[in-house]
Amino acid sequence: MRRDLEHRLRLVESADAGSGIEIWIDQGDGTVRGPHGEQMIREEAEALGHAAGTLLIVMSEIDARL
């Protein structure tokens, strides 16, 4: 189920590749998983996104299913 969700979110990101938006999934333990499978603490992800000029949207896996 998780891989299916991540796959569908990657397709959405690919369709919107020029927008500078990435969807990250909160793992519930203080870390987030990025669109390419990378995992880090939320603050690190936000810092990387800011440096790259990318808007990060962080949501729980449950919210992503809605």
N, C-alpha and C. Protein backbone atom coordinates (compact mmCIF):
# COMPACT_ATOMS: atom_id res chain seq x y z
N MET A 1 0.82 -1.19 0.00
CA MET A 1 0.00 0.00 0.00
C MET A 1 0.87 1.26 0.00
N ARG A 2 1.91 1.30 0.84
CA ARG A 2 2.77 2.47 0.93
C ARG A 2 3.45 2.74 -0.40
N ARG A 3 3.97 1.70 -1.04
CA ARG A 3 4.66 1.88 -2.33
C ARG A 3 3.69 2.38 -3.40
N ASP A 4 2.46 1.89 -3.36
CA ASP A 4 1.46 2.35 -4.32
C ASP A 4 1.19 3.84 -4.12
N LEU A 5 1.06 4.27 -2.88
CA LEU A 5 0.83 5.67 -2.57
C LEU A 5 2.00 6.52 -3.06
N GLU A 6 3.22 6.09 -2.73
CA GLU A 6 4.40 6.85 -3.14
C GLU A 6 4.50 6.90 -4.67
N HIS A 7 4.15 5.81 -5.33
CA HIS A 7 4.18 5.78 -6.79
C HIS A 7 3.19 6.79 -7.37
N ARG A 8 1.98 6.81 -6.84
CA ARG A 8 0.97 7.74 -7.34
C ARG A 8 1.37 9.19 -7.08
N LEU A 9 1.97 9.46 -5.93
CA LEU A 9 2.42 10.82 -5.64
C LEU A 9 3.56 11.23 -6.57
N ARG A 10 4.45 10.29 -6.90
CA ARG A 10 5.53 10.60 -7.84
C ARG A 10 4.96 10.95 -9.22
N LEU A 11 3.92 10.24 -9.63
CA LEU A 11 3.29 10.56 -10.93
C LEU A 11 2.73 11.97 -10.93
N VAL A 12 2.11 12.36 -9.81
CA VAL A 12 1.58 13.73 -9.70
C VAL A 12 2.72 14.73 -9.77
N GLU A 13 3.81 14.45 -9.07
CA GLU A 13 4.95 15.36 -9.09
C GLU A 13 5.56 15.44 -10.48
N SER A 14 5.65 14.32 -11.19
CA SER A 14 6.20 14.32 -12.54
C SER A 14 5.36 15.16 -13.48
N ALA A 15 4.06 15.07 -13.33
CA ALA A 15 3.16 15.85 -14.18
C ALA A 15 3.30 17.34 -13.92
N ASP A 16 3.76 17.68 -12.72
CA ASP A 16 3.88 19.07 -12.31
C ASP A 16 5.34 19.42 -12.06
N ALA A 17 6.25 18.84 -12.85
CA ALA A 17 7.69 18.93 -12.60
C ALA A 17 8.23 20.35 -12.61
N GLY A 18 7.68 21.23 -13.39
CA GLY A 18 8.22 22.57 -13.48
C GLY A 18 7.81 23.49 -12.35
N SER A 19 6.97 23.05 -11.45
CA SER A 19 6.41 23.95 -10.44
C SER A 19 7.27 24.14 -9.21
N GLY A 20 8.24 23.27 -8.95
CA GLY A 20 9.07 23.39 -7.76
C GLY A 20 8.34 22.97 -6.50
N ILE A 21 7.44 22.01 -6.62
CA ILE A 21 6.69 21.50 -5.47
C ILE A 21 7.01 20.02 -5.30
N GLU A 22 7.29 19.61 -4.06
CA GLU A 22 7.50 18.20 -3.76
C GLU A 22 6.60 17.79 -2.60
N ILE A 23 6.07 16.60 -2.68
CA ILE A 23 5.24 16.06 -1.61
C ILE A 23 6.08 15.07 -0.82
N TRP A 24 6.18 15.29 0.47
CA TRP A 24 6.92 14.42 1.38
C TRP A 24 5.94 13.79 2.35
N ILE A 25 6.21 12.56 2.74
CA ILE A 25 5.32 11.82 3.63
C ILE A 25 5.94 11.73 5.02
N ASP A 26 5.19 12.20 6.02
CA ASP A 26 5.62 12.11 7.42
C ASP A 26 5.56 10.65 7.86
N GLN A 27 6.67 10.15 8.38
CA GLN A 27 6.76 8.75 8.78
C GLN A 27 6.26 8.50 10.20
N GLY A 28 5.94 9.56 10.94
CA GLY A 28 5.39 9.41 12.28
C GLY A 28 6.44 9.25 13.36
N ASP A 29 7.72 9.28 12.98
CA ASP A 29 8.79 9.12 13.96
C ASP A 29 9.76 10.30 13.94
N GLY A 30 9.30 11.41 13.39
CA GLY A 30 10.15 12.60 13.29
C GLY A 30 10.88 12.70 11.97
N THR A 31 10.72 11.71 11.11
CA THR A 31 11.36 11.74 9.80
C THR A 31 10.31 11.85 8.71
N VAL A 32 10.76 12.26 7.54
CA VAL A 32 9.89 12.34 6.37
C VAL A 32 10.56 11.59 5.22
N ARG A 33 9.73 11.08 4.29
CA ARG A 33 10.24 10.37 3.11
C ARG A 33 9.93 11.22 1.89
N GLY A 34 10.99 11.46 1.10
CA GLY A 34 10.88 12.29 -0.08
C GLY A 34 10.39 11.54 -1.31
N PRO A 35 10.22 12.28 -2.39
CA PRO A 35 9.67 11.69 -3.61
C PRO A 35 10.60 10.67 -4.28
N HIS A 36 11.86 10.68 -3.89
CA HIS A 36 12.82 9.74 -4.48
C HIS A 36 13.26 8.69 -3.47
N GLY A 37 12.51 8.56 -2.37
CA GLY A 37 12.80 7.55 -1.36
C GLY A 37 13.76 8.00 -0.27
N GLU A 38 14.28 9.21 -0.37
CA GLU A 38 15.19 9.69 0.66
C GLU A 38 14.44 9.89 1.97
N GLN A 39 15.13 9.67 3.09
CA GLN A 39 14.50 9.82 4.39
C GLN A 39 15.41 10.65 5.28
N MET A 40 14.83 11.65 5.93
CA MET A 40 15.58 12.55 6.81
C MET A 40 14.62 13.22 7.77
N ILE A 41 15.18 13.95 8.74
CA ILE A 41 14.29 14.66 9.64
C ILE A 41 13.66 15.83 8.88
N ARG A 42 12.50 16.24 9.34
CA ARG A 42 11.73 17.26 8.61
C ARG A 42 12.51 18.56 8.44
N GLU A 43 13.23 18.97 9.46
CA GLU A 43 13.98 20.23 9.40
C GLU A 43 15.04 20.18 8.30
N GLU A 44 15.69 19.03 8.13
CA GLU A 44 16.68 18.88 7.06
C GLU A 44 16.02 18.99 5.69
N ALA A 45 14.88 18.32 5.54
CA ALA A 45 14.16 18.36 4.27
C ALA A 45 13.71 19.78 3.94
N GLU A 46 13.21 20.49 4.92
CA GLU A 46 12.77 21.87 4.69
C GLU A 46 13.95 22.76 4.32
N ALA A 47 15.10 22.56 4.96
CA ALA A 47 16.29 23.35 4.64
C ALA A 47 16.76 23.08 3.22
N LEU A 48 16.76 21.81 2.81
CA LEU A 48 17.15 21.46 1.45
C LEU A 48 16.17 22.04 0.42
N GLY A 49 14.89 21.94 0.72
CA GLY A 49 13.89 22.50 -0.17
C GLY A 49 14.02 24.00 -0.32
N HIS A 50 14.27 24.67 0.80
CA HIS A 50 14.44 26.12 0.77
C HIS A 50 15.65 26.50 -0.07
N ALA A 51 16.76 25.78 0.13
CA ALA A 51 17.98 26.06 -0.62
C ALA A 51 17.79 25.84 -2.12
N ALA A 52 16.95 24.88 -2.49
CA ALA A 52 16.71 24.57 -3.90
C ALA A 52 15.56 25.39 -4.49
N GLY A 53 14.89 26.18 -3.65
CA GLY A 53 13.75 26.95 -4.13
C GLY A 53 12.52 26.11 -4.37
N THR A 54 12.41 25.01 -3.65
CA THR A 54 11.30 24.07 -3.81
C THR A 54 10.35 24.19 -2.63
N LEU A 55 9.06 24.18 -2.90
CA LEU A 55 8.05 24.17 -1.85
C LEU A 55 7.81 22.73 -1.44
N LEU A 56 8.03 22.41 -0.17
CA LEU A 56 7.78 21.07 0.33
C LEU A 56 6.41 21.01 0.98
N ILE A 57 5.63 20.04 0.59
CA ILE A 57 4.35 19.77 1.23
C ILE A 57 4.53 18.48 2.00
N VAL A 58 4.41 18.56 3.32
CA VAL A 58 4.58 17.38 4.17
C VAL A 58 3.22 16.98 4.70
N MET A 59 2.86 15.72 4.48
CA MET A 59 1.57 15.23 4.96
C MET A 59 1.74 13.83 5.51
N SER A 60 0.82 13.45 6.35
CA SER A 60 0.85 12.09 6.88
C SER A 60 0.40 11.13 5.79
N GLU A 61 0.74 9.89 5.95
CA GLU A 61 0.35 8.89 4.97
C GLU A 61 -1.17 8.77 4.90
N ILE A 62 -1.83 8.91 6.04
CA ILE A 62 -3.29 8.83 6.08
C ILE A 62 -3.90 10.00 5.30
N ASP A 63 -3.38 11.21 5.51
CA ASP A 63 -3.89 12.37 4.77
C ASP A 63 -3.65 12.24 3.28
N ALA A 64 -2.53 11.65 2.91
CA ALA A 64 -2.20 11.48 1.49
C ALA A 64 -3.19 10.54 0.79
N ARG A 65 -3.80 9.66 1.55
CA ARG A 65 -4.76 8.72 0.97
C ARG A 65 -6.09 9.40 0.62
N LEU A 66 -6.37 10.53 1.26
CA LEU A 66 -7.64 11.22 1.02
C LEU A 66 -7.60 11.81 -0.31
